[in-house]
PDB file of N, CA and C in Angstrom:
ATOM      1  N   MET A   1      -9.325 -24.238 -21.036  1.00  0.00           N
ATOM      2  CA  MET A   1      -9.333 -22.984 -20.297  1.00  0.00           C
ATOM      3  C   MET A   1      -9.550 -21.843 -21.288  1.00  0.00           C
ATOM      4  N   SER A   2     -10.489 -21.005 -20.972  1.00  0.00           N
ATOM      5  CA  SER A   2     -10.757 -19.875 -21.843  1.00  0.00           C
ATOM      6  C   SER A   2      -9.895 -18.685 -21.441  1.00  0.00           C
ATOM      7  N   PHE A   3      -9.834 -17.708 -22.330  1.00  0.00           N
ATOM      8  CA  PHE A   3      -9.051 -16.501 -22.048  1.00  0.00           C
ATOM      9  C   PHE A   3      -9.590 -15.786 -20.818  1.00  0.00           C
ATOM     10  N   LYS A   4     -10.910 -15.826 -20.628  1.00  0.00           N
ATOM     11  CA  LYS A   4     -11.540 -15.175 -19.480  1.00  0.00           C
ATOM     12  C   LYS A   4     -10.980 -15.705 -18.163  1.00  0.00           C
ATOM     13  N   ASP A   5     -10.640 -16.996 -18.122  1.00  0.00           N
ATOM     14  CA  ASP A   5     -10.125 -17.607 -16.896  1.00  0.00           C
ATOM     15  C   ASP A   5      -8.797 -17.009 -16.454  1.00  0.00           C
ATOM     16  N   PHE A   6      -8.054 -16.399 -17.358  1.00  0.00           N
ATOM     17  CA  PHE A   6      -6.772 -15.793 -16.994  1.00  0.00           C
ATOM     18  C   PHE A   6      -6.957 -14.635 -16.023  1.00  0.00           C
ATOM     19  N   ASN A   7      -8.111 -13.992 -16.047  1.00  0.00           N
ATOM     20  CA  ASN A   7      -8.382 -12.886 -15.132  1.00  0.00           C
ATOM     21  C   ASN A   7      -8.550 -13.351 -13.694  1.00  0.00           C
ATOM     22  N   ASP A   8      -8.727 -14.643 -13.500  1.00  0.00           N
ATOM     23  CA  ASP A   8      -8.943 -15.178 -12.161  1.00  0.00           C
ATOM     24  C   ASP A   8      -7.686 -15.775 -11.541  1.00  0.00           C
ATOM     25  N   PHE A   9      -6.561 -15.723 -12.227  1.00  0.00           N
ATOM     26  CA  PHE A   9      -5.325 -16.259 -11.670  1.00  0.00           C
ATOM     27  C   PHE A   9      -4.889 -15.427 -10.477  1.00  0.00           C
ATOM     28  N   PRO A  10      -4.446 -16.066  -9.425  1.00  0.00           N
ATOM     29  CA  PRO A  10      -3.969 -15.313  -8.254  1.00  0.00           C
ATOM     30  C   PRO A  10      -2.627 -14.641  -8.540  1.00  0.00           C
ATOM     31  N   PHE A  11      -2.371 -13.544  -7.855  1.00  0.00           N
ATOM     32  CA  PHE A  11      -1.076 -12.889  -7.960  1.00  0.00           C
ATOM     33  C   PHE A  11      -0.707 -12.297  -6.611  1.00  0.00           C
ATOM     34  N   GLY A  12       0.599 -12.054  -6.439  1.00  0.00           N
ATOM     35  CA  GLY A  12       1.102 -11.560  -5.155  1.00  0.00           C
ATOM     36  C   GLY A  12       1.937 -10.313  -5.312  1.00  0.00           C
ATOM     37  N   TRP A  13       2.732 -10.039  -4.286  1.00  0.00           N
ATOM     38  CA  TRP A  13       3.494  -8.785  -4.236  1.00  0.00           C
ATOM     39  C   TRP A  13       4.474  -8.610  -5.386  1.00  0.00           C
ATOM     40  N   ALA A  14       5.012  -9.665  -5.913  1.00  0.00           N
ATOM     41  CA  ALA A  14       5.996  -9.552  -6.997  1.00  0.00           C
ATOM     42  C   ALA A  14       5.352  -9.201  -8.337  1.00  0.00           C
ATOM     43  N   ASP A  15       4.043  -9.275  -8.405  1.00  0.00           N
ATOM     44  CA  ASP A  15       3.323  -9.046  -9.659  1.00  0.00           C
ATOM     45  C   ASP A  15       2.827  -7.604  -9.743  1.00  0.00           C
ATOM     46  N   HIS A  16       3.767  -6.678  -9.761  1.00  0.00           N
ATOM     47  CA  HIS A  16       3.457  -5.246  -9.734  1.00  0.00           C
ATOM     48  C   HIS A  16       2.529  -4.827 -10.864  1.00  0.00           C
ATOM     49  N   GLU A  17       2.792  -5.327 -12.052  1.00  0.00           N
ATOM     50  CA  GLU A  17       1.978  -4.918 -13.199  1.00  0.00           C
ATOM     51  C   GLU A  17       0.540  -5.420 -13.067  1.00  0.00           C
ATOM     52  N   ASP A  18       0.362  -6.648 -12.615  1.00  0.00           N
ATOM     53  CA  ASP A  18      -0.990  -7.175 -12.430  1.00  0.00           C
ATOM     54  C   ASP A  18      -1.763  -6.358 -11.399  1.00  0.00           C
ATOM     55  N   ILE A  19      -1.082  -5.973 -10.325  1.00  0.00           N
ATOM     56  CA  ILE A  19      -1.716  -5.153  -9.302  1.00  0.00           C
ATOM     57  C   ILE A  19      -2.096  -3.794  -9.889  1.00  0.00           C
ATOM     58  N   ALA A  20      -1.179  -3.190 -10.643  1.00  0.00           N
ATOM     59  CA  ALA A  20      -1.442  -1.880 -11.245  1.00  0.00           C
ATOM     60  C   ALA A  20      -2.621  -1.940 -12.208  1.00  0.00           C
ATOM     61  N   ILE A  21      -2.716  -2.999 -12.983  1.00  0.00           N
ATOM     62  CA  ILE A  21      -3.839  -3.157 -13.910  1.00  0.00           C
ATOM     63  C   ILE A  21      -5.140  -3.278 -13.135  1.00  0.00           C
ATOM     64  N   ALA A  22      -5.128  -4.036 -12.054  1.00  0.00           N
ATOM     65  CA  ALA A  22      -6.331  -4.184 -11.231  1.00  0.00           C
ATOM     66  C   ALA A  22      -6.744  -2.847 -10.623  1.00  0.00           C
ATOM     67  N   LEU A  23      -5.773  -2.058 -10.196  1.00  0.00           N
ATOM     68  CA  LEU A  23      -6.090  -0.737  -9.641  1.00  0.00           C
ATOM     69  C   LEU A  23      -6.643   0.188 -10.713  1.00  0.00           C
ATOM     70  N   TYR A  24      -6.054   0.150 -11.904  1.00  0.00           N
ATOM     71  CA  TYR A  24      -6.583   0.971 -12.998  1.00  0.00           C
ATOM     72  C   TYR A  24      -7.995   0.518 -13.363  1.00  0.00           C
ATOM     73  N   ASP A  25      -8.214  -0.792 -13.392  1.00  0.00           N
ATOM     74  CA  ASP A  25      -9.556  -1.297 -13.697  1.00  0.00           C
ATOM     75  C   ASP A  25     -10.566  -0.804 -12.664  1.00  0.00           C
ATOM     76  N   ARG A  26     -10.150  -0.720 -11.421  1.00  0.00           N
ATOM     77  CA  ARG A  26     -11.054  -0.278 -10.360  1.00  0.00           C
ATOM     78  C   ARG A  26     -11.324   1.223 -10.413  1.00  0.00           C
ATOM     79  N   PHE A  27     -10.265   2.011 -10.613  1.00  0.00           N
ATOM     80  CA  PHE A  27     -10.393   3.462 -10.504  1.00  0.00           C
ATOM     81  C   PHE A  27     -10.428   4.195 -11.836  1.00  0.00           C
ATOM     82  N   GLY A  28     -10.007   3.559 -12.903  1.00  0.00           N
ATOM     83  CA  GLY A  28     -10.016   4.190 -14.220  1.00  0.00           C
ATOM     84  C   GLY A  28      -9.284   5.517 -14.222  1.00  0.00           C
ATOM     85  N   ASP A  29      -9.914   6.522 -14.789  1.00  0.00           N
ATOM     86  CA  ASP A  29      -9.293   7.841 -14.905  1.00  0.00           C
ATOM     87  C   ASP A  29      -9.551   8.736 -13.691  1.00  0.00           C
ATOM     88  N   GLU A  30     -10.154   8.165 -12.655  1.00  0.00           N
ATOM     89  CA  GLU A  30     -10.388   8.928 -11.425  1.00  0.00           C
ATOM     90  C   GLU A  30      -9.062   9.438 -10.843  1.00  0.00           C
ATOM     91  N   PHE A  31      -8.019   8.643 -10.997  1.00  0.00           N
ATOM     92  CA  PHE A  31      -6.692   9.030 -10.534  1.00  0.00           C
ATOM     93  C   PHE A  31      -5.780   9.194 -11.734  1.00  0.00           C
ATOM     94  N   GLY A  32      -5.316  10.411 -11.961  1.00  0.00           N
ATOM     95  CA  GLY A  32      -4.324  10.668 -12.993  1.00  0.00           C
ATOM     96  C   GLY A  32      -2.931  10.534 -12.404  1.00  0.00           C
ATOM     97  N   GLN A  33      -1.948  10.785 -13.208  1.00  0.00           N
ATOM     98  CA  GLN A  33      -0.546  10.632 -12.810  1.00  0.00           C
ATOM     99  C   GLN A  33      -0.228  11.384 -11.515  1.00  0.00           C
ATOM    100  N   ASP A  34      -0.628  12.642 -11.433  1.00  0.00           N
ATOM    101  CA  ASP A  34      -0.320  13.442 -10.248  1.00  0.00           C
ATOM    102  C   ASP A  34      -0.977  12.880  -8.992  1.00  0.00           C
ATOM    103  N   LYS A  35      -2.214  12.447  -9.122  1.00  0.00           N
ATOM    104  CA  LYS A  35      -2.921  11.904  -7.962  1.00  0.00           C
ATOM    105  C   LYS A  35      -2.348  10.555  -7.533  1.00  0.00           C
ATOM    106  N   ILE A  36      -1.973   9.735  -8.494  1.00  0.00           N
ATOM    107  CA  ILE A  36      -1.434   8.416  -8.158  1.00  0.00           C
ATOM    108  C   ILE A  36      -0.182   8.553  -7.301  1.00  0.00           C
ATOM    109  N   TYR A  37       0.684   9.481  -7.660  1.00  0.00           N
ATOM    110  CA  TYR A  37       1.922   9.649  -6.903  1.00  0.00           C
ATOM    111  C   TYR A  37       1.710  10.317  -5.542  1.00  0.00           C
ATOM    112  N   ARG A  38       0.517  10.843  -5.306  1.00  0.00           N
ATOM    113  CA  ARG A  38       0.236  11.461  -4.002  1.00  0.00           C
ATOM    114  C   ARG A  38      -0.606  10.578  -3.094  1.00  0.00           C
ATOM    115  N   ILE A  39      -0.934   9.385  -3.540  1.00  0.00           N
ATOM    116  CA  ILE A  39      -1.721   8.459  -2.726  1.00  0.00           C
ATOM    117  C   ILE A  39      -0.872   8.005  -1.537  1.00  0.00           C
ATOM    118  N   ARG A  40      -1.477   8.051  -0.368  1.00  0.00           N
ATOM    119  CA  ARG A  40      -0.776   7.557   0.825  1.00  0.00           C
ATOM    120  C   ARG A  40      -0.601   6.052   0.708  1.00  0.00           C
ATOM    121  N   PHE A  41       0.540   5.571   1.155  1.00  0.00           N
ATOM    122  CA  PHE A  41       0.802   4.141   1.081  1.00  0.00           C
ATOM    123  C   PHE A  41      -0.191   3.334   1.913  1.00  0.00           C
ATOM    124  N   THR A  42      -0.704   3.902   2.987  1.00  0.00           N
ATOM    125  CA  THR A  42      -1.700   3.176   3.781  1.00  0.00           C
ATOM    126  C   THR A  42      -2.970   2.936   2.969  1.00  0.00           C
ATOM    127  N   ASP A  43      -3.391   3.937   2.194  1.00  0.00           N
ATOM    128  CA  ASP A  43      -4.563   3.758   1.325  1.00  0.00           C
ATOM    129  C   ASP A  43      -4.266   2.772   0.210  1.00  0.00           C
ATOM    130  N   LEU A  44      -3.104   2.913  -0.407  1.00  0.00           N
ATOM    131  CA  LEU A  44      -2.713   2.012  -1.492  1.00  0.00           C
ATOM    132  C   LEU A  44      -2.688   0.575  -0.993  1.00  0.00           C
ATOM    133  N   LEU A  45      -2.136   0.366   0.164  1.00  0.00           N
ATOM    134  CA  LEU A  45      -2.073  -0.979   0.744  1.00  0.00           C
ATOM    135  C   LEU A  45      -3.475  -1.545   0.967  1.00  0.00           C
ATOM    136  N   ASP A  46      -4.382  -0.730   1.479  1.00  0.00           N
ATOM    137  CA  ASP A  46      -5.766  -1.182   1.675  1.00  0.00           C
ATOM    138  C   ASP A  46      -6.388  -1.616   0.357  1.00  0.00           C
ATOM    139  N   TRP A  47      -6.210  -0.814  -0.678  1.00  0.00           N
ATOM    140  CA  TRP A  47      -6.806  -1.130  -1.977  1.00  0.00           C
ATOM    141  C   TRP A  47      -6.213  -2.397  -2.575  1.00  0.00           C
ATOM    142  N   ILE A  48      -4.931  -2.598  -2.382  1.00  0.00           N
ATOM    143  CA  ILE A  48      -4.275  -3.784  -2.947  1.00  0.00           C
ATOM    144  C   ILE A  48      -4.799  -5.052  -2.291  1.00  0.00           C
ATOM    145  N   VAL A  49      -4.865  -5.077  -0.978  1.00  0.00           N
ATOM    146  CA  VAL A  49      -5.310  -6.304  -0.305  1.00  0.00           C
ATOM    147  C   VAL A  49      -6.798  -6.576  -0.539  1.00  0.00           C
ATOM    148  N   GLU A  50      -7.560  -5.590  -1.023  1.00  0.00           N
ATOM    149  CA  GLU A  50      -8.970  -5.791  -1.365  1.00  0.00           C
ATOM    150  C   GLU A  50      -9.157  -6.433  -2.736  1.00  0.00           C
ATOM    151  N   ILE A  51      -8.118  -6.490  -3.555  1.00  0.00           N
ATOM    152  CA  ILE A  51      -8.231  -7.080  -4.895  1.00  0.00           C
ATOM    153  C   ILE A  51      -8.514  -8.576  -4.734  1.00  0.00           C
ATOM    154  N   PRO A  52      -9.593  -9.070  -5.332  1.00  0.00           N
ATOM    155  CA  PRO A  52      -9.991 -10.470  -5.113  1.00  0.00           C
ATOM    156  C   PRO A  52      -8.912 -11.505  -5.451  1.00  0.00           C
ATOM    157  N   GLN A  53      -8.137 -11.286  -6.501  1.00  0.00           N
ATOM    158  CA  GLN A  53      -7.136 -12.266  -6.918  1.00  0.00           C
ATOM    159  C   GLN A  53      -5.816 -12.127  -6.156  1.00  0.00           C
ATOM    160  N   PHE A  54      -5.693 -11.111  -5.330  1.00  0.00           N
ATOM    161  CA  PHE A  54      -4.435 -10.851  -4.635  1.00  0.00           C
ATOM    162  C   PHE A  54      -4.272 -11.817  -3.465  1.00  0.00           C
ATOM    163  N   THR A  55      -3.108 -12.457  -3.399  1.00  0.00           N
ATOM    164  CA  THR A  55      -2.873 -13.487  -2.384  1.00  0.00           C
ATOM    165  C   THR A  55      -1.872 -13.064  -1.310  1.00  0.00           C
ATOM    166  N   GLY A  56      -1.295 -11.884  -1.451  1.00  0.00           N
ATOM    167  CA  GLY A  56      -0.311 -11.431  -0.469  1.00  0.00           C
ATOM    168  C   GLY A  56      -0.968 -10.939   0.815  1.00  0.00           C
ATOM    169  N   THR A  57      -0.120 -10.615   1.772  1.00  0.00           N
ATOM    170  CA  THR A  57      -0.603 -10.096   3.047  1.00  0.00           C
ATOM    171  C   THR A  57      -0.002  -8.717   3.293  1.00  0.00           C
ATOM    172  N   ARG A  58      -0.597  -7.993   4.213  1.00  0.00           N
ATOM    173  CA  ARG A  58      -0.068  -6.677   4.599  1.00  0.00           C
ATOM    174  C   ARG A  58       1.364  -6.803   5.109  1.00  0.00           C
ATOM    175  N   GLU A  59       1.607  -7.845   5.866  1.00  0.00           N
ATOM    176  CA  GLU A  59       2.921  -8.045   6.470  1.00  0.00           C
ATOM    177  C   GLU A  59       4.020  -8.274   5.428  1.00  0.00           C
ATOM    178  N   GLN A  60       3.666  -8.748   4.265  1.00  0.00           N
ATOM    179  CA  GLN A  60       4.637  -8.996   3.200  1.00  0.00           C
ATOM    180  C   GLN A  60       4.926  -7.758   2.367  1.00  0.00           C
ATOM    181  N   SER A  61       4.170  -6.698   2.580  1.00  0.00           N
ATOM    182  CA  SER A  61       4.358  -5.491   1.773  1.00  0.00           C
ATOM    183  C   SER A  61       5.653  -4.789   2.156  1.00  0.00           C
ATOM    184  N   SER A  62       6.124  -3.974   1.230  1.00  0.00           N
ATOM    185  CA  SER A  62       7.311  -3.154   1.499  1.00  0.00           C
ATOM    186  C   SER A  62       7.157  -1.846   0.736  1.00  0.00           C
ATOM    187  N   GLU A  63       7.918  -0.868   1.160  1.00  0.00           N
ATOM    188  CA  GLU A  63       7.894   0.421   0.470  1.00  0.00           C
ATOM    189  C   GLU A  63       8.299   0.246  -0.989  1.00  0.00           C
ATOM    190  N   GLU A  64       9.252  -0.627  -1.239  1.00  0.00           N
ATOM    191  CA  GLU A  64       9.705  -0.876  -2.611  1.00  0.00           C
ATOM    192  C   GLU A  64       8.564  -1.420  -3.472  1.00  0.00           C
ATOM    193  N   HIS A  65       7.813  -2.373  -2.951  1.00  0.00           N
ATOM    194  CA  HIS A  65       6.668  -2.906  -3.705  1.00  0.00           C
ATOM    195  C   HIS A  65       5.671  -1.795  -4.015  1.00  0.00           C
ATOM    196  N   LEU A  66       5.348  -1.000  -3.020  1.00  0.00           N
ATOM    197  CA  LEU A  66       4.347   0.048  -3.208  1.00  0.00           C
ATOM    198  C   LEU A  66       4.813   1.100  -4.209  1.00  0.00           C
ATOM    199  N   GLU A  67       6.088   1.450  -4.175  1.00  0.00           N
ATOM    200  CA  GLU A  67       6.629   2.402  -5.154  1.00  0.00           C
ATOM    201  C   GLU A  67       6.566   1.834  -6.563  1.00  0.00           C
ATOM    202  N   GLN A  68       6.917   0.562  -6.714  1.00  0.00           N
ATOM    203  CA  GLN A  68       6.866  -0.074  -8.033  1.00  0.00           C
ATOM    204  C   GLN A  68       5.434  -0.140  -8.553  1.00  0.00           C
ATOM    205  N   ILE A  69       4.502  -0.423  -7.670  1.00  0.00           N
ATOM    206  CA  ILE A  69       3.097  -0.497  -8.067  1.00  0.00           C
ATOM    207  C   ILE A  69       2.602   0.876  -8.504  1.00  0.00           C
ATOM    208  N   GLN A  70       2.974   1.919  -7.781  1.00  0.00           N
ATOM    209  CA  GLN A  70       2.591   3.281  -8.190  1.00  0.00           C
ATOM    210  C   GLN A  70       3.120   3.582  -9.590  1.00  0.00           C
ATOM    211  N   ALA A  71       4.383   3.267  -9.828  1.00  0.00           N
ATOM    212  CA  ALA A  71       4.983   3.548 -11.135  1.00  0.00           C
ATOM    213  C   ALA A  71       4.275   2.767 -12.242  1.00  0.00           C
ATOM    214  N   LYS A  72       3.968   1.506 -11.987  1.00  0.00           N
ATOM    215  CA  LYS A  72       3.265   0.692 -12.991  1.00  0.00           C
ATOM    216  C   LYS A  72       1.842   1.196 -13.204  1.00  0.00           C
ATOM    217  N   TRP A  73       1.213   1.684 -12.154  1.00  0.00           N
ATOM    218  CA  TRP A  73      -0.140   2.235 -12.273  1.00  0.00           C
ATOM    219  C   TRP A  73      -0.122   3.480 -13.146  1.00  0.00           C
ATOM    220  N   VAL A  74       0.861   4.339 -12.969  1.00  0.00           N
ATOM    221  CA  VAL A  74       0.992   5.525 -13.821  1.00  0.00           C
ATOM    222  C   VAL A  74       1.203   5.098 -15.267  1.00  0.00           C
ATOM    223  N   TYR A  75       2.051   4.102 -15.493  1.00  0.00           N
ATOM    224  CA  TYR A  75       2.288   3.613 -16.845  1.00  0.00           C
ATOM    225  C   TYR A  75       0.985   3.094 -17.449  1.00  0.00           C
ATOM    226  N   GLU A  76       0.211   2.339 -16.675  1.00  0.00           N
ATOM    227  CA  GLU A  76      -1.072   1.813 -17.151  1.00  0.00           C
ATOM    228  C   GLU A  76      -2.029   2.963 -17.474  1.00  0.00           C
ATOM    229  N   TRP A  77      -2.068   3.962 -16.634  1.00  0.00           N
ATOM    230  CA  TRP A  77      -2.920   5.128 -16.863  1.00  0.00           C
ATOM    231  C   TRP A  77      -2.523   5.825 -18.175  1.00  0.00           C
ATOM    232  N   ARG A  78      -1.223   6.034 -18.367  1.00  0.00           N
ATOM    233  CA  ARG A  78      -0.742   6.691 -19.596  1.00  0.00           C
ATOM    234  C   ARG A  78      -1.106   5.889 -20.837  1.00  0.00           C
ATOM    235  N   GLU A  79      -1.002   4.577 -20.760  1.00  0.00           N
ATOM    236  CA  GLU A  79      -1.312   3.721 -21.902  1.00  0.00           C
ATOM    237  C   GLU A  79      -2.785   3.809 -22.313  1.00  0.00           C
ATOM    238  N   ASN A  80      -3.613   4.193 -21.375  1.00  0.00           N
ATOM    239  CA  ASN A  80      -5.052   4.251 -21.642  1.00  0.00           C
ATOM    240  C   ASN A  80      -5.567   5.652 -21.933  1.00  0.00           C
ATOM    241  N   GLN A  81      -4.678   6.617 -22.085  1.00  0.00           N
ATOM    242  CA  GLN A  81      -5.095   7.993 -22.384  1.00  0.00           C
ATOM    243  C   GLN A  81      -5.157   8.226 -23.878  1.00  0.00           C
TER     244      GLN A  81
END
């Protein structure tokens, strides 16, 4: 197994950091810290379930998961500035 194959591993709701990295990879610097915290959860949920490696469902989501993902996304954004 090559290192590249690790990008194809599935992940679910408990994998907040993986989701945040995927969102940062998709949007890059388009969303800064202030914008990330103002994203509606309905939009965030749509973007998460569109991630190819994501295996969770809308019904499994919770406000706690979405808040954790926002926080991890901000952390990922800061790390890349």
